[in-house]
C-alpha atoms as a PDB file:
ATOM      1  CA  MET A   1       4.503  -6.389 -33.715  1.00  0.00           C
ATOM      2  CA  GLU A   2       2.800  -9.228 -31.654  1.00  0.00           C
ATOM      3  CA  LEU A   3       2.765  -7.246 -28.311  1.00  0.00           C
ATOM      4  CA  ILE A   4       1.025  -4.501 -30.037  1.00  0.00           C
ATOM      5  CA  ASP A   5      -1.531  -6.302 -32.056  1.00  0.00           C
ATOM      6  CA  GLN A   6      -2.583  -8.105 -28.653  1.00  0.00           C
ATOM      7  CA  ILE A   7      -3.211  -5.214 -26.514  1.00  0.00           C
ATOM      8  CA  GLU A   8      -4.780  -3.236 -29.143  1.00  0.00           C
ATOM      9  CA  SER A   9      -7.245  -6.315 -29.669  1.00  0.00           C
ATOM     10  CA  LEU A  10      -7.862  -6.570 -26.080  1.00  0.00           C
ATOM     11  CA  ILE A  11      -9.218  -2.889 -25.680  1.00  0.00           C
ATOM     12  CA  ASN A  12     -10.431  -2.328 -29.101  1.00  0.00           C
ATOM     13  CA  TYR A  13      -8.325   0.723 -29.540  1.00  0.00           C
ATOM     14  CA  ARG A  14      -5.470   1.415 -32.383  1.00  0.00           C
ATOM     15  CA  PHE A  15      -2.625   3.507 -30.905  1.00  0.00           C
ATOM     16  CA  LYS A  16      -1.422   6.694 -32.780  1.00  0.00           C
ATOM     17  CA  GLU A  17       2.020   6.146 -31.359  1.00  0.00           C
ATOM     18  CA  PRO A  18       2.660   2.421 -30.966  1.00  0.00           C
ATOM     19  CA  LYS A  19       5.877   3.000 -29.131  1.00  0.00           C
ATOM     20  CA  LEU A  20       4.224   4.073 -25.748  1.00  0.00           C
ATOM     21  CA  LEU A  21       2.994   0.577 -25.544  1.00  0.00           C
ATOM     22  CA  GLN A  22       6.601  -0.904 -26.340  1.00  0.00           C
ATOM     23  CA  GLN A  23       7.762   1.440 -23.547  1.00  0.00           C
ATOM     24  CA  ALA A  24       5.062   0.408 -20.963  1.00  0.00           C
ATOM     25  CA  PHE A  25       6.093  -3.229 -21.314  1.00  0.00           C
ATOM     26  CA  SER A  26       9.906  -2.802 -21.014  1.00  0.00           C
ATOM     27  CA  HIS A  27      11.567  -3.219 -17.685  1.00  0.00           C
ATOM     28  CA  THR A  28      14.699  -1.840 -17.221  1.00  0.00           C
ATOM     29  CA  SER A  29      16.591  -4.906 -17.114  1.00  0.00           C
ATOM     30  CA  TYR A  30      15.476  -5.262 -20.781  1.00  0.00           C
ATOM     31  CA  MET A  31      16.921  -1.609 -22.105  1.00  0.00           C
ATOM     32  CA  ASN A  32      20.071  -2.215 -19.990  1.00  0.00           C
ATOM     33  CA  GLU A  33      20.907  -5.458 -21.612  1.00  0.00           C
ATOM     34  CA  ARG A  34      20.330  -3.703 -25.042  1.00  0.00           C
ATOM     35  CA  GLY A  35      22.044  -0.473 -24.211  1.00  0.00           C
ATOM     36  CA  LEU A  36      19.016   1.606 -24.585  1.00  0.00           C
ATOM     37  CA  LYS A  37      17.983   4.404 -22.560  1.00  0.00           C
ATOM     38  CA  HIS A  38      16.746   3.764 -19.048  1.00  0.00           C
ATOM     39  CA  LEU A  39      13.994   6.447 -19.223  1.00  0.00           C
ATOM     40  CA  ASP A  40      12.616   4.563 -22.287  1.00  0.00           C
ATOM     41  CA  SER A  41      11.233   1.944 -20.041  1.00  0.00           C
ATOM     42  CA  TYR A  42       8.059   1.714 -18.199  1.00  0.00           C
ATOM     43  CA  GLU A  43       8.795   3.871 -15.242  1.00  0.00           C
ATOM     44  CA  ARG A  44       7.815   7.141 -16.262  1.00  0.00           C
ATOM     45  CA  LEU A  45       4.578   5.512 -17.679  1.00  0.00           C
ATOM     46  CA  GLU A  46       3.912   3.981 -14.777  1.00  0.00           C
ATOM     47  CA  PHE A  47       4.258   7.250 -12.725  1.00  0.00           C
ATOM     48  CA  LEU A  48       1.448   8.837 -14.916  1.00  0.00           C
ATOM     49  CA  GLY A  49      -0.982   5.936 -15.048  1.00  0.00           C
ATOM     50  CA  ASP A  50      -0.587   5.519 -10.963  1.00  0.00           C
ATOM     51  CA  ALA A  51      -2.084   8.893 -11.074  1.00  0.00           C
ATOM     52  CA  ALA A  52      -4.687   8.309 -13.704  1.00  0.00           C
ATOM     53  CA  LEU A  53      -5.962   5.121 -12.129  1.00  0.00           C
ATOM     54  CA  GLU A  54      -6.158   6.610  -8.893  1.00  0.00           C
ATOM     55  CA  TRP A  55      -8.458   9.184  -9.877  1.00  0.00           C
ATOM     56  CA  MET A  56     -10.379   7.338 -12.049  1.00  0.00           C
ATOM     57  CA  VAL A  57     -11.046   4.534  -9.769  1.00  0.00           C
ATOM     58  CA  SER A  58     -12.016   7.487  -7.084  1.00  0.00           C
ATOM     59  CA  ASN A  59     -14.457   8.629  -9.651  1.00  0.00           C
ATOM     60  CA  TYR A  60     -15.924   5.032 -10.113  1.00  0.00           C
ATOM     61  CA  LEU A  61     -16.560   4.554  -6.249  1.00  0.00           C
ATOM     62  CA  TYR A  62     -17.989   8.091  -5.787  1.00  0.00           C
ATOM     63  CA  ARG A  63     -20.602   7.420  -8.515  1.00  0.00           C
ATOM     64  CA  LYS A  64     -21.178   3.568  -7.488  1.00  0.00           C
ATOM     65  CA  TYR A  65     -21.512   4.076  -3.734  1.00  0.00           C
ATOM     66  CA  PRO A  66     -23.341   7.538  -3.173  1.00  0.00           C
ATOM     67  CA  ASN A  67     -23.949   6.846   0.777  1.00  0.00           C
ATOM     68  CA  TYR A  68     -20.339   5.728   1.599  1.00  0.00           C
ATOM     69  CA  THR A  69     -18.302   8.280   3.750  1.00  0.00           C
ATOM     70  CA  GLU A  70     -14.815   9.203   2.713  1.00  0.00           C
ATOM     71  CA  GLY A  71     -13.269   6.909   4.928  1.00  0.00           C
ATOM     72  CA  GLU A  72     -15.145   3.747   3.522  1.00  0.00           C
ATOM     73  CA  LEU A  73     -14.599   4.974  -0.102  1.00  0.00           C
ATOM     74  CA  THR A  74     -10.682   5.546   0.871  1.00  0.00           C
ATOM     75  CA  ARG A  75     -10.578   2.066   1.726  1.00  0.00           C
ATOM     76  CA  LEU A  76     -12.367   0.666  -1.115  1.00  0.00           C
ATOM     77  CA  ARG A  77     -10.021   2.330  -3.444  1.00  0.00           C
ATOM     78  CA  ALA A  78      -7.284   1.124  -1.642  1.00  0.00           C
ATOM     79  CA  GLY A  79      -8.337  -2.802  -2.136  1.00  0.00           C
ATOM     80  CA  LEU A  80      -8.992  -2.077  -5.714  1.00  0.00           C
ATOM     81  CA  VAL A  81      -5.664  -0.044  -6.640  1.00  0.00           C
ATOM     82  CA  ARG A  82      -3.427  -2.562  -4.154  1.00  0.00           C
ATOM     83  CA  GLU A  83      -0.541  -4.215  -5.436  1.00  0.00           C
ATOM     84  CA  HIS A  84      -2.447  -7.820  -5.739  1.00  0.00           C
ATOM     85  CA  SER A  85      -5.728  -6.436  -7.268  1.00  0.00           C
ATOM     86  CA  LEU A  86      -3.713  -4.756 -10.434  1.00  0.00           C
ATOM     87  CA  ALA A  87      -1.247  -7.952 -10.579  1.00  0.00           C
ATOM     88  CA  TYR A  88      -4.476 -10.198 -10.542  1.00  0.00           C
ATOM     89  CA  LEU A  89      -5.541  -7.748 -13.502  1.00  0.00           C
ATOM     90  CA  ALA A  90      -2.523  -7.887 -15.090  1.00  0.00           C
ATOM     91  CA  ARG A  91      -2.603 -11.630 -15.406  1.00  0.00           C
ATOM     92  CA  LEU A  92      -6.377 -11.245 -16.650  1.00  0.00           C
ATOM     93  CA  CYS A  93      -4.696  -9.368 -19.451  1.00  0.00           C
ATOM     94  CA  HIS A  94      -2.243 -11.799 -20.111  1.00  0.00           C
ATOM     95  CA  PHE A  95       0.257  -8.742 -19.309  1.00  0.00           C
ATOM     96  CA  ASP A  96       2.604 -11.531 -17.728  1.00  0.00           C
ATOM     97  CA  ASP A  97       3.419 -13.195 -21.054  1.00  0.00           C
ATOM     98  CA  LEU A  98       3.671 -10.008 -23.062  1.00  0.00           C
ATOM     99  CA  MET A  99       6.113  -8.363 -20.617  1.00  0.00           C
ATOM    100  CA  LEU A 100       9.876  -7.618 -21.874  1.00  0.00           C
ATOM    101  CA  LEU A 101      12.424  -8.750 -19.264  1.00  0.00           C
ATOM    102  CA  GLY A 102      16.035  -8.981 -19.296  1.00  0.00           C
ATOM    103  CA  LYS A 103      17.386 -12.528 -18.718  1.00  0.00           C
ATOM    104  CA  GLY A 104      18.427 -11.677 -15.297  1.00  0.00           C
ATOM    105  CA  GLU A 105      14.890 -10.520 -14.339  1.00  0.00           C
ATOM    106  CA  GLU A 106      13.431 -13.114 -16.233  1.00  0.00           C
ATOM    107  CA  ALA A 107      15.421 -16.145 -14.544  1.00  0.00           C
ATOM    108  CA  SER A 108      14.512 -14.466 -10.874  1.00  0.00           C
ATOM    109  CA  GLY A 109      10.885 -15.015 -11.668  1.00  0.00           C
ATOM    110  CA  GLY A 110       9.840 -11.354 -12.381  1.00  0.00           C
ATOM    111  CA  ARG A 111       7.545 -12.461 -14.851  1.00  0.00           C
ATOM    112  CA  ASN A 112       5.328 -13.972 -11.955  1.00  0.00           C
ATOM    113  CA  ARG A 113       5.968 -11.122  -9.407  1.00  0.00           C
ATOM    114  CA  ASP A 114       2.703  -9.212  -8.144  1.00  0.00           C
ATOM    115  CA  SER A 115       4.865  -5.813  -7.625  1.00  0.00           C
ATOM    116  CA  LEU A 116       6.169  -6.047 -11.300  1.00  0.00           C
ATOM    117  CA  LEU A 117       2.823  -6.715 -12.790  1.00  0.00           C
ATOM    118  CA  SER A 118       1.103  -4.083 -10.744  1.00  0.00           C
ATOM    119  CA  ASP A 119       3.881  -1.465 -12.227  1.00  0.00           C
ATOM    120  CA  ILE A 120       3.459  -2.748 -15.578  1.00  0.00           C
ATOM    121  CA  TYR A 121      -0.619  -2.521 -15.066  1.00  0.00           C
ATOM    122  CA  GLU A 122       0.022   1.141 -14.430  1.00  0.00           C
ATOM    123  CA  ALA A 123       2.259   1.685 -17.022  1.00  0.00           C
ATOM    124  CA  PHE A 124      -0.003   0.397 -19.541  1.00  0.00           C
ATOM    125  CA  ILE A 125      -2.832   2.753 -18.363  1.00  0.00           C
ATOM    126  CA  GLY A 126      -0.449   5.627 -18.413  1.00  0.00           C
ATOM    127  CA  ALA A 127       0.354   4.692 -21.952  1.00  0.00           C
ATOM    128  CA  TYR A 128      -3.448   4.154 -23.050  1.00  0.00           C
ATOM    129  CA  VAL A 129      -4.145   7.414 -21.342  1.00  0.00           C
ATOM    130  CA  THR A 130      -1.428   9.712 -23.063  1.00  0.00           C
ATOM    131  CA  ASP A 131      -2.419   8.089 -26.400  1.00  0.00           C
ATOM    132  CA  ALA A 132      -5.938   8.434 -26.284  1.00  0.00           C
ATOM    133  CA  SER A 133      -7.136  10.618 -23.202  1.00  0.00           C
ATOM    134  CA  LEU A 134      -8.380  10.085 -19.764  1.00  0.00           C
ATOM    135  CA  GLU A 135     -11.998  10.045 -20.660  1.00  0.00           C
ATOM    136  CA  ALA A 136     -11.596   7.288 -23.317  1.00  0.00           C
ATOM    137  CA  VAL A 137      -9.572   4.894 -20.649  1.00  0.00           C
ATOM    138  CA  ILE A 138     -12.504   5.248 -18.044  1.00  0.00           C
ATOM    139  CA  PRO A 139     -15.121   2.765 -19.745  1.00  0.00           C
ATOM    140  CA  PHE A 140     -12.006   0.396 -20.000  1.00  0.00           C
ATOM    141  CA  VAL A 141     -10.846   0.789 -16.155  1.00  0.00           C
ATOM    142  CA  GLU A 142     -14.467   0.739 -14.967  1.00  0.00           C
ATOM    143  CA  GLN A 143     -15.008  -2.670 -16.698  1.00  0.00           C
ATOM    144  CA  GLN A 144     -11.762  -3.808 -14.733  1.00  0.00           C
ATOM    145  CA  MET A 145     -12.813  -2.559 -11.474  1.00  0.00           C
ATOM    146  CA  ASP A 146     -16.196  -4.462 -12.052  1.00  0.00           C
ATOM    147  CA  THR A 147     -14.281  -7.477 -12.797  1.00  0.00           C
ATOM    148  CA  LEU A 148     -12.497  -7.314  -9.400  1.00  0.00           C
ATOM    149  CA  SER A 149     -15.827  -6.323  -7.491  1.00  0.00           C
ATOM    150  CA  GLU A 150     -17.490  -9.882  -8.968  1.00  0.00           C
ATOM    151  CA  GLN A 151     -14.379 -11.804  -7.900  1.00  0.00           C
ATOM    152  CA  ASN A 152     -14.716 -10.308  -4.383  1.00  0.00           C
ATOM    153  CA  ASP A 153     -11.517  -9.032  -4.094  1.00  0.00           C
ATOM    154  CA  ILE A 154     -12.784  -5.687  -2.696  1.00  0.00           C
ATOM    155  CA  ARG A 155     -13.692  -7.182   0.027  1.00  0.00           C
ATOM    156  CA  ILE A 156      -9.983  -7.649   1.262  1.00  0.00           C
ATOM    157  CA  MET A 157     -10.285  -4.314   2.593  1.00  0.00           C
ATOM    158  CA  ASP A 158     -13.244  -5.242   5.083  1.00  0.00           C
ATOM    159  CA  TYR A 159     -10.408  -6.329   7.564  1.00  0.00           C
ATOM    160  CA  LYS A 160     -13.043  -6.705  10.325  1.00  0.00           C
ATOM    161  CA  THR A 161     -14.751  -9.318   8.566  1.00  0.00           C
ATOM    162  CA  ILE A 162     -11.601 -11.005   7.360  1.00  0.00           C
ATOM    163  CA  LEU A 163     -10.209 -11.246  10.857  1.00  0.00           C
ATOM    164  CA  GLN A 164     -13.609 -12.503  11.869  1.00  0.00           C
ATOM    165  CA  GLU A 165     -13.693 -15.744   9.410  1.00  0.00           C
ATOM    166  CA  LYS A 166      -9.868 -16.290   9.916  1.00  0.00           C
ATOM    167  CA  LEU A 167     -10.332 -16.851  13.997  1.00  0.00           C
ATOM    168  CA  GLN A 168     -13.429 -18.413  13.554  1.00  0.00           C
ATOM    169  CA  GLN A 169     -11.812 -21.112  11.502  1.00  0.00           C
ATOM    170  CA  LYS A 170     -10.390 -22.562  14.475  1.00  0.00           C
ATOM    171  CA  GLY A 171     -14.250 -22.365  16.366  1.00  0.00           C
ATOM    172  CA  SER A 172     -16.383 -19.849  17.391  1.00  0.00           C
ATOM    173  CA  ILE A 173     -14.444 -16.749  18.945  1.00  0.00           C
ATOM    174  CA  LYS A 174     -15.838 -13.655  20.571  1.00  0.00           C
ATOM    175  CA  ILE A 175     -14.048 -10.495  19.043  1.00  0.00           C
ATOM    176  CA  THR A 176     -14.589  -7.430  20.858  1.00  0.00           C
ATOM    177  CA  TYR A 177     -13.363  -3.726  19.674  1.00  0.00           C
ATOM    178  CA  GLU A 178     -13.097  -1.364  22.574  1.00  0.00           C
ATOM    179  CA  LEU A 179     -12.639   2.602  22.139  1.00  0.00           C
ATOM    180  CA  ILE A 180      -9.749   3.599  24.592  1.00  0.00           C
ATOM    181  CA  LYS A 181      -8.567   6.945  23.824  1.00  0.00           C
ATOM    182  CA  GLU A 182     -10.187   9.713  22.061  1.00  0.00           C
ATOM    183  CA  GLU A 183      -8.091  12.978  21.260  1.00  0.00           C
ATOM    184  CA  GLY A 184      -7.625  15.991  19.068  1.00  0.00           C
ATOM    185  CA  PRO A 185      -9.995  19.056  18.416  1.00  0.00           C
ATOM    186  CA  PRO A 186     -13.603  18.513  17.737  1.00  0.00           C
ATOM    187  CA  HIS A 187     -13.055  18.840  14.047  1.00  0.00           C
ATOM    188  CA  LYS A 188     -10.092  16.707  13.868  1.00  0.00           C
ATOM    189  CA  ARG A 189     -10.794  13.863  16.363  1.00  0.00           C
ATOM    190  CA  ILE A 190      -8.323  10.940  16.420  1.00  0.00           C
ATOM    191  CA  PHE A 191      -9.722   7.783  17.826  1.00  0.00           C
ATOM    192  CA  THR A 192      -7.909   4.449  19.092  1.00  0.00           C
ATOM    193  CA  VAL A 193      -9.185   1.044  19.280  1.00  0.00           C
ATOM    194  CA  GLU A 194      -8.063  -2.117  20.724  1.00  0.00           C
ATOM    195  CA  VAL A 195      -8.857  -5.529  19.143  1.00  0.00           C
ATOM    196  CA  SER A 196      -9.583  -8.458  21.697  1.00  0.00           C
ATOM    197  CA  TYR A 197     -10.759 -12.033  21.947  1.00  0.00           C
ATOM    198  CA  ASN A 198      -9.581 -14.783  24.245  1.00  0.00           C
ATOM    199  CA  ASN A 199      -9.571 -12.576  27.172  1.00  0.00           C
ATOM    200  CA  GLN A 200      -6.230 -10.929  25.619  1.00  0.00           C
ATOM    201  CA  THR A 201      -5.790  -7.647  23.579  1.00  0.00           C
ATOM    202  CA  HIS A 202      -3.824  -8.701  20.503  1.00  0.00           C
ATOM    203  CA  GLY A 203      -3.788  -5.215  18.107  1.00  0.00           C
ATOM    204  CA  SER A 204      -4.830  -1.809  18.146  1.00  0.00           C
ATOM    205  CA  GLY A 205      -5.530   1.026  15.357  1.00  0.00           C
ATOM    206  CA  GLN A 206      -6.430   4.554  14.887  1.00  0.00           C
ATOM    207  CA  GLY A 207      -8.559   6.572  12.564  1.00  0.00           C
ATOM    208  CA  ALA A 208     -10.689   9.826  12.207  1.00  0.00           C
ATOM    209  CA  SER A 209     -13.667   7.951  13.067  1.00  0.00           C
ATOM    210  CA  LYS A 210     -14.511   4.861  15.322  1.00  0.00           C
ATOM    211  CA  LYS A 211     -15.190   2.758  12.498  1.00  0.00           C
ATOM    212  CA  GLU A 212     -11.785   3.545  10.726  1.00  0.00           C
ATOM    213  CA  ALA A 213     -10.395   2.857  13.861  1.00  0.00           C
ATOM    214  CA  GLU A 214     -11.506  -0.784  14.554  1.00  0.00           C
ATOM    215  CA  GLN A 215     -10.632  -1.270  10.516  1.00  0.00           C
ATOM    216  CA  GLN A 216      -7.158  -0.327  11.460  1.00  0.00           C
ATOM    217  CA  ALA A 217      -7.127  -2.556  14.634  1.00  0.00           C
ATOM    218  CA  ALA A 218      -8.160  -5.634  12.769  1.00  0.00           C
ATOM    219  CA  LYS A 219      -5.605  -4.979  10.087  1.00  0.00           C
ATOM    220  CA  HIS A 220      -3.198  -4.702  12.520  1.00  0.00           C
ATOM    221  CA  THR A 221      -4.143  -8.013  14.278  1.00  0.00           C
ATOM    222  CA  LEU A 222      -4.332  -9.660  10.951  1.00  0.00           C
ATOM    223  CA  ASP A 223      -0.665  -8.727  10.454  1.00  0.00           C
ATOM    224  CA  LEU A 224       0.693  -9.642  13.684  1.00  0.00           C
ATOM    225  CA  LEU A 225      -1.490 -13.087  12.924  1.00  0.00           C
ATOM    226  CA  GLN A 226       0.729 -13.561   9.568  1.00  0.00           C
ATOM    227  CA  GLN A 227       3.827 -12.828  11.014  1.00  0.00           C
ATOM    228  CA  GLU A 228       3.185 -15.328  13.800  1.00  0.00           C
ATOM    229  CA  GLU A 229       2.721 -17.818  11.534  1.00  0.00           C
ATOM    230  CA  GLY A 230       5.464 -16.916   9.133  1.00  0.00           C
ATOM    231  CA  GLY A 231       7.560 -17.653  12.470  1.00  0.00           C
ATOM    232  CA  GLN A 232       6.230 -20.825  12.717  1.00  0.00           C
END
């Protein structure tokens, strides 16, 4: 089958159970239109792939950045496994062309939807791990993560830099982060930070460290700016 041949060529691996690949790319709408079992769609493999991918990316980052804190590694991982990032990789692998969709899902633009593409990517990882092994899939995943890093996609989780660049498109703006609250026992402190610019407070965030709280405050501010722009 063309789908199986293309995927096996991409990863240079021949599946012992090709039906796993068929399942990974089969949307529920495709199954429903053909009267096939819902359990044979991509969703169970997506569940498995999600967990496997998180472990592999965690391991990749742990070794790649030996001096990063837990919070920094968590932010980097979130940037790599977020919906947009996985959809980008899915398109790079031409998974958007290979998905098996029902007519309704096809007509509604499912082939171009980030949420579905990221799900299919995770399902593919689930199928690959099931047929080969977790260890066998690690080189492919790490090469994919390198690709994301090279594309600067990982930078999206540095919310402070993103906020600064966004605001400075309109001119020089001084952004300040102020620690306004610190609570909880010594071993489990919670920090609250506010973001200010143009003499106004624009967002706030919390975290287990001041640095993490600043990132969350910047993210909150970016979310608010996006809402304002959407309402215009």
